[in-house]
Amino acid sequence: MKNALVYAYIGDSIYEFYIRKYLIDSNICKIHDLQQASLNYVSAKSQRRICETLINEKFFTDEELDLIRWGRNQHGSKAKSTDIVTYRIATGLECLIGYLYYDNKLDRLKSIMERICKL
């Protein structure tokens, strides 16, 4: 098993890829519009909202919740444009995404990302 922040690091890029693909597939064609729309998903504030919504919906398994907590509780980079709690919750979500990718649980990763895109 890798370090939680390593999973979050790769999870961040995987998450952003899924969001970008979803927005492009939604026929948003202008770069400015794509970037504006992506803020609804990729900012730490948005990721916190998304993560808390899915937790409240009981969408995640117990193992996934443990991975989110594991990522959330790591100490690494400091929050740049948000409060530390928001930053850590977003890191927890990214950790889960990265872990699912490396553990080859791609169907579950896809399921989570499809649900996120519907929020």
N, C-alpha and C. Protein backbone atom coordinates (compact mmCIF):
# COMPACT_ATOMS: atom_id res chain seq x y z
N MET A 1 0.85 -1.18 0.00
CA MET A 1 0.00 0.00 0.00
C MET A 1 0.89 1.24 0.00
N LYS A 2 0.52 2.21 -0.76
CA LYS A 2 1.27 3.45 -0.88
C LYS A 2 0.84 4.44 0.21
N ASN A 3 1.54 5.51 0.31
CA ASN A 3 1.20 6.61 1.20
C ASN A 3 -0.12 7.24 0.74
N ALA A 4 -0.96 7.64 1.68
CA ALA A 4 -2.26 8.24 1.34
C ALA A 4 -2.11 9.47 0.46
N LEU A 5 -1.09 10.27 0.70
CA LEU A 5 -0.91 11.47 -0.11
C LEU A 5 -0.46 11.14 -1.54
N VAL A 6 0.20 10.00 -1.71
CA VAL A 6 0.55 9.54 -3.06
C VAL A 6 -0.73 9.16 -3.81
N TYR A 7 -1.62 8.45 -3.13
CA TYR A 7 -2.91 8.13 -3.75
C TYR A 7 -3.68 9.41 -4.08
N ALA A 8 -3.66 10.38 -3.18
CA ALA A 8 -4.36 11.64 -3.42
C ALA A 8 -3.75 12.38 -4.61
N TYR A 9 -2.45 12.30 -4.74
CA TYR A 9 -1.74 12.98 -5.84
C TYR A 9 -2.22 12.45 -7.19
N ILE A 10 -2.24 11.13 -7.33
CA ILE A 10 -2.70 10.56 -8.61
C ILE A 10 -4.23 10.68 -8.71
N GLY A 11 -4.90 10.57 -7.57
CA GLY A 11 -6.36 10.69 -7.56
C GLY A 11 -6.83 12.04 -8.06
N ASP A 12 -6.08 13.07 -7.74
CA ASP A 12 -6.41 14.42 -8.20
C ASP A 12 -6.43 14.47 -9.73
N SER A 13 -5.43 13.89 -10.36
CA SER A 13 -5.38 13.95 -11.83
C SER A 13 -6.45 13.06 -12.46
N ILE A 14 -6.71 11.91 -11.87
CA ILE A 14 -7.75 11.01 -12.40
C ILE A 14 -9.11 11.68 -12.28
N TYR A 15 -9.37 12.26 -11.12
CA TYR A 15 -10.63 12.97 -10.86
C TYR A 15 -10.82 14.08 -11.89
N GLU A 16 -9.78 14.89 -12.07
CA GLU A 16 -9.89 16.00 -13.01
C GLU A 16 -10.08 15.52 -14.43
N PHE A 17 -9.43 14.42 -14.81
CA PHE A 17 -9.62 13.86 -16.14
C PHE A 17 -11.09 13.47 -16.37
N TYR A 18 -11.67 12.75 -15.40
CA TYR A 18 -13.07 12.34 -15.53
C TYR A 18 -13.98 13.56 -15.68
N ILE A 19 -13.74 14.58 -14.87
CA ILE A 19 -14.58 15.78 -14.93
C ILE A 19 -14.41 16.48 -16.27
N ARG A 20 -13.19 16.64 -16.73
CA ARG A 20 -12.96 17.29 -18.02
C ARG A 20 -13.64 16.52 -19.15
N LYS A 21 -13.50 15.20 -19.13
CA LYS A 21 -14.14 14.39 -20.18
C LYS A 21 -15.66 14.53 -20.12
N TYR A 22 -16.21 14.50 -18.91
CA TYR A 22 -17.66 14.66 -18.75
C TYR A 22 -18.13 16.00 -19.31
N LEU A 23 -17.42 17.07 -19.02
CA LEU A 23 -17.82 18.40 -19.49
C LEU A 23 -17.70 18.51 -21.00
N ILE A 24 -16.62 17.97 -21.55
CA ILE A 24 -16.46 18.00 -23.01
C ILE A 24 -17.55 17.17 -23.68
N ASP A 25 -17.84 16.00 -23.10
CA ASP A 25 -18.91 15.15 -23.65
C ASP A 25 -20.29 15.80 -23.51
N SER A 26 -20.39 16.80 -22.62
CA SER A 26 -21.64 17.55 -22.46
C SER A 26 -21.76 18.67 -23.48
N ASN A 27 -20.85 18.68 -24.45
CA ASN A 27 -20.85 19.64 -25.56
C ASN A 27 -20.54 21.07 -25.15
N ILE A 28 -19.77 21.23 -24.11
CA ILE A 28 -19.24 22.56 -23.78
C ILE A 28 -17.99 22.71 -24.63
N CYS A 29 -17.97 23.71 -25.49
CA CYS A 29 -16.90 23.80 -26.49
C CYS A 29 -15.88 24.91 -26.27
N LYS A 30 -16.20 25.88 -25.46
CA LYS A 30 -15.27 26.98 -25.24
C LYS A 30 -14.45 26.71 -23.98
N ILE A 31 -13.16 26.95 -24.07
CA ILE A 31 -12.25 26.69 -22.96
C ILE A 31 -12.68 27.45 -21.71
N HIS A 32 -13.03 28.71 -21.87
CA HIS A 32 -13.45 29.50 -20.70
C HIS A 32 -14.67 28.86 -20.03
N ASP A 33 -15.62 28.42 -20.83
CA ASP A 33 -16.82 27.78 -20.29
C ASP A 33 -16.49 26.45 -19.62
N LEU A 34 -15.55 25.70 -20.21
CA LEU A 34 -15.12 24.44 -19.59
C LEU A 34 -14.48 24.69 -18.23
N GLN A 35 -13.62 25.70 -18.17
CA GLN A 35 -12.95 25.99 -16.91
C GLN A 35 -13.93 26.48 -15.85
N GLN A 36 -14.87 27.29 -16.25
CA GLN A 36 -15.88 27.77 -15.29
C GLN A 36 -16.73 26.61 -14.78
N ALA A 37 -17.17 25.75 -15.69
CA ALA A 37 -18.00 24.61 -15.30
C ALA A 37 -17.22 23.64 -14.41
N SER A 38 -15.94 23.48 -14.68
CA SER A 38 -15.14 22.54 -13.89
C SER A 38 -15.02 22.96 -12.43
N LEU A 39 -15.14 24.25 -12.16
CA LEU A 39 -15.05 24.73 -10.76
C LEU A 39 -16.16 24.16 -9.89
N ASN A 40 -17.26 23.73 -10.51
CA ASN A 40 -18.33 23.09 -9.76
C ASN A 40 -17.95 21.71 -9.25
N TYR A 41 -16.81 21.20 -9.72
CA TYR A 41 -16.37 19.85 -9.37
C TYR A 41 -14.96 19.77 -8.79
N VAL A 42 -14.03 20.57 -9.30
CA VAL A 42 -12.62 20.34 -8.98
C VAL A 42 -12.03 21.23 -7.90
N SER A 43 -12.69 22.23 -7.47
CA SER A 43 -12.14 23.03 -6.37
C SER A 43 -12.27 22.25 -5.07
N ALA A 44 -11.44 22.57 -4.10
CA ALA A 44 -11.52 21.89 -2.80
C ALA A 44 -12.90 22.07 -2.18
N LYS A 45 -13.45 23.26 -2.32
CA LYS A 45 -14.78 23.54 -1.77
C LYS A 45 -15.84 22.63 -2.43
N SER A 46 -15.75 22.48 -3.74
CA SER A 46 -16.70 21.62 -4.46
C SER A 46 -16.49 20.16 -4.10
N GLN A 47 -15.24 19.75 -3.99
CA GLN A 47 -14.96 18.36 -3.62
C GLN A 47 -15.46 18.05 -2.21
N ARG A 48 -15.34 19.01 -1.31
CA ARG A 48 -15.88 18.80 0.04
C ARG A 48 -17.39 18.62 -0.02
N ARG A 49 -18.06 19.50 -0.76
CA ARG A 49 -19.52 19.41 -0.89
C ARG A 49 -19.93 18.06 -1.47
N ILE A 50 -19.23 17.65 -2.52
CA ILE A 50 -19.53 16.38 -3.18
C ILE A 50 -19.30 15.21 -2.22
N CYS A 51 -18.16 15.21 -1.56
CA CYS A 51 -17.83 14.12 -0.65
C CYS A 51 -18.85 14.02 0.48
N GLU A 52 -19.19 15.15 1.08
CA GLU A 52 -20.16 15.14 2.18
C GLU A 52 -21.55 14.72 1.70
N THR A 53 -21.93 15.11 0.49
CA THR A 53 -23.22 14.69 -0.07
C THR A 53 -23.26 13.18 -0.22
N LEU A 54 -22.20 12.60 -0.78
CA LEU A 54 -22.16 11.16 -0.99
C LEU A 54 -22.09 10.39 0.34
N ILE A 55 -21.41 10.96 1.31
CA ILE A 55 -21.38 10.34 2.65
C ILE A 55 -22.78 10.35 3.24
N ASN A 56 -23.46 11.47 3.15
CA ASN A 56 -24.83 11.58 3.70
C ASN A 56 -25.80 10.66 2.98
N GLU A 57 -25.56 10.40 1.71
CA GLU A 57 -26.40 9.48 0.93
C GLU A 57 -26.04 8.02 1.21
N LYS A 58 -24.99 7.80 2.01
CA LYS A 58 -24.49 6.45 2.29
C LYS A 58 -24.07 5.73 1.01
N PHE A 59 -23.47 6.50 0.11
CA PHE A 59 -23.03 6.00 -1.19
C PHE A 59 -21.76 5.16 -1.08
N PHE A 60 -20.88 5.52 -0.16
CA PHE A 60 -19.59 4.85 -0.01
C PHE A 60 -19.70 3.61 0.87
N THR A 61 -18.86 2.63 0.58
CA THR A 61 -18.75 1.45 1.43
C THR A 61 -17.97 1.82 2.69
N ASP A 62 -18.00 0.95 3.68
CA ASP A 62 -17.20 1.19 4.89
C ASP A 62 -15.72 1.28 4.57
N GLU A 63 -15.23 0.42 3.67
CA GLU A 63 -13.82 0.47 3.27
C GLU A 63 -13.49 1.81 2.61
N GLU A 64 -14.38 2.29 1.76
CA GLU A 64 -14.16 3.58 1.09
C GLU A 64 -14.16 4.72 2.10
N LEU A 65 -15.04 4.67 3.07
CA LEU A 65 -15.05 5.70 4.11
C LEU A 65 -13.75 5.69 4.90
N ASP A 66 -13.22 4.50 5.17
CA ASP A 66 -11.93 4.39 5.85
C ASP A 66 -10.82 5.02 5.03
N LEU A 67 -10.85 4.81 3.72
CA LEU A 67 -9.84 5.39 2.83
C LEU A 67 -9.95 6.92 2.79
N ILE A 68 -11.17 7.42 2.78
CA ILE A 68 -11.38 8.88 2.80
C ILE A 68 -10.82 9.45 4.10
N ARG A 69 -11.13 8.80 5.22
CA ARG A 69 -10.60 9.27 6.52
C ARG A 69 -9.08 9.19 6.56
N TRP A 70 -8.52 8.11 6.01
CA TRP A 70 -7.07 7.93 5.97
C TRP A 70 -6.42 9.09 5.21
N GLY A 71 -6.96 9.41 4.05
CA GLY A 71 -6.44 10.52 3.25
C GLY A 71 -6.65 11.87 3.91
N ARG A 72 -7.79 12.01 4.55
CA ARG A 72 -8.14 13.27 5.20
C ARG A 72 -7.20 13.58 6.37
N ASN A 73 -6.77 12.54 7.06
CA ASN A 73 -5.98 12.72 8.27
C ASN A 73 -4.48 12.84 8.04
N GLN A 74 -4.05 12.82 6.79
CA GLN A 74 -2.62 12.95 6.48
C GLN A 74 -2.20 14.41 6.55
N HIS A 75 -0.97 14.60 6.93
CA HIS A 75 -0.41 15.96 6.98
C HIS A 75 0.60 16.10 5.85
N GLY A 76 0.39 17.06 5.03
CA GLY A 76 1.27 17.28 3.89
C GLY A 76 1.22 18.74 3.50
N SER A 77 0.80 18.98 2.29
CA SER A 77 0.68 20.35 1.78
C SER A 77 -0.31 21.15 2.62
N LYS A 78 -0.14 22.42 2.59
CA LYS A 78 -1.08 23.30 3.28
C LYS A 78 -2.11 23.82 2.29
N ALA A 79 -3.28 24.10 2.81
CA ALA A 79 -4.35 24.65 1.98
C ALA A 79 -3.92 26.00 1.43
N LYS A 80 -4.14 26.20 0.15
CA LYS A 80 -3.72 27.46 -0.48
C LYS A 80 -4.84 28.49 -0.54
N SER A 81 -6.04 28.02 -0.87
CA SER A 81 -7.12 28.99 -1.08
C SER A 81 -8.39 28.60 -0.35
N THR A 82 -8.26 27.78 0.68
CA THR A 82 -9.44 27.36 1.43
C THR A 82 -9.02 27.00 2.85
N ASP A 83 -9.99 26.72 3.68
CA ASP A 83 -9.66 26.34 5.06
C ASP A 83 -9.12 24.91 5.10
N ILE A 84 -8.43 24.57 6.17
CA ILE A 84 -7.75 23.29 6.27
C ILE A 84 -8.72 22.10 6.29
N VAL A 85 -9.88 22.26 6.90
CA VAL A 85 -10.86 21.16 6.95
C VAL A 85 -11.35 20.84 5.54
N THR A 86 -11.70 21.86 4.79
CA THR A 86 -12.15 21.67 3.41
C THR A 86 -11.06 21.00 2.58
N TYR A 87 -9.84 21.48 2.73
CA TYR A 87 -8.71 20.93 1.98
C TYR A 87 -8.51 19.45 2.32
N ARG A 88 -8.61 19.11 3.57
CA ARG A 88 -8.38 17.72 3.99
C ARG A 88 -9.49 16.78 3.52
N ILE A 89 -10.73 17.24 3.54
CA ILE A 89 -11.82 16.41 3.04
C ILE A 89 -11.65 16.17 1.54
N ALA A 90 -11.27 17.21 0.81
CA ALA A 90 -11.00 17.06 -0.62
C ALA A 90 -9.85 16.08 -0.85
N THR A 91 -8.82 16.15 -0.03
CA THR A 91 -7.70 15.22 -0.13
C THR A 91 -8.16 13.80 0.13
N GLY A 92 -9.07 13.61 1.08
CA GLY A 92 -9.61 12.29 1.36
C GLY A 92 -10.32 11.70 0.16
N LEU A 93 -11.11 12.52 -0.52
CA LEU A 93 -11.81 12.05 -1.73
C LEU A 93 -10.80 11.68 -2.81
N GLU A 94 -9.80 12.51 -2.99
CA GLU A 94 -8.76 12.23 -4.00
C GLU A 94 -7.98 10.96 -3.65
N CYS A 95 -7.75 10.74 -2.36
CA CYS A 95 -7.07 9.52 -1.91
C CYS A 95 -7.88 8.30 -2.31
N LEU A 96 -9.18 8.34 -2.08
CA LEU A 96 -10.04 7.22 -2.46
C LEU A 96 -9.95 6.96 -3.96
N ILE A 97 -10.03 8.00 -4.76
CA ILE A 97 -9.98 7.86 -6.22
C ILE A 97 -8.66 7.22 -6.64
N GLY A 98 -7.56 7.71 -6.09
CA GLY A 98 -6.25 7.16 -6.41
C GLY A 98 -6.10 5.72 -5.98
N TYR A 99 -6.60 5.40 -4.80
CA TYR A 99 -6.53 4.02 -4.30
C TYR A 99 -7.31 3.07 -5.21
N LEU A 100 -8.51 3.46 -5.58
CA LEU A 100 -9.33 2.60 -6.44
C LEU A 100 -8.63 2.36 -7.78
N TYR A 101 -7.98 3.39 -8.28
CA TYR A 101 -7.23 3.25 -9.53
C TYR A 101 -6.10 2.23 -9.37
N TYR A 102 -5.29 2.41 -8.33
CA TYR A 102 -4.14 1.51 -8.14
C TYR A 102 -4.55 0.11 -7.72
N ASP A 103 -5.69 -0.03 -7.09
CA ASP A 103 -6.16 -1.35 -6.68
C ASP A 103 -6.96 -2.01 -7.82
N ASN A 104 -6.99 -1.36 -8.97
CA ASN A 104 -7.65 -1.86 -10.17
C ASN A 104 -9.15 -2.08 -9.97
N LYS A 105 -9.76 -1.26 -9.14
CA LYS A 105 -11.20 -1.31 -8.94
C LYS A 105 -11.84 -0.26 -9.83
N LEU A 106 -11.63 -0.44 -11.12
CA LEU A 106 -12.00 0.58 -12.09
C LEU A 106 -13.51 0.69 -12.29
N ASP A 107 -14.24 -0.40 -12.11
CA ASP A 107 -15.69 -0.32 -12.22
C ASP A 107 -16.25 0.56 -11.10
N ARG A 108 -15.73 0.38 -9.89
CA ARG A 108 -16.21 1.19 -8.77
C ARG A 108 -15.77 2.64 -8.94
N LEU A 109 -14.55 2.85 -9.41
CA LEU A 109 -14.07 4.21 -9.68
C LEU A 109 -14.99 4.89 -10.68
N LYS A 110 -15.32 4.19 -11.74
CA LYS A 110 -16.21 4.75 -12.77
C LYS A 110 -17.59 5.05 -12.17
N SER A 111 -18.09 4.16 -11.34
CA SER A 111 -19.40 4.35 -10.71
C SER A 111 -19.41 5.61 -9.83
N ILE A 112 -18.36 5.79 -9.06
CA ILE A 112 -18.26 6.97 -8.20
C ILE A 112 -18.20 8.23 -9.05
N MET A 113 -17.37 8.22 -10.07
CA MET A 113 -17.21 9.42 -10.90
C MET A 113 -18.51 9.72 -11.67
N GLU A 114 -19.22 8.70 -12.11
CA GLU A 114 -20.49 8.95 -12.78
C GLU A 114 -21.48 9.58 -11.82
N ARG A 115 -21.49 9.12 -10.59
CA ARG A 115 -22.39 9.71 -9.58
C ARG A 115 -22.00 11.15 -9.30
N ILE A 116 -20.71 11.41 -9.17
CA ILE A 116 -20.24 12.78 -8.93
C ILE A 116 -20.67 13.70 -10.06
N CYS A 117 -20.57 13.24 -11.27
CA CYS A 117 -20.93 14.09 -12.43
C CYS A 117 -22.41 14.43 -12.45
N LYS A 118 -23.23 13.64 -11.76
CA LYS A 118 -24.68 13.91 -11.72
C LYS A 118 -25.04 14.90 -10.61
N LEU A 119 -24.09 15.25 -9.77
CA LEU A 119 -24.41 16.19 -8.68
C LEU A 119 -24.38 17.63 -9.15
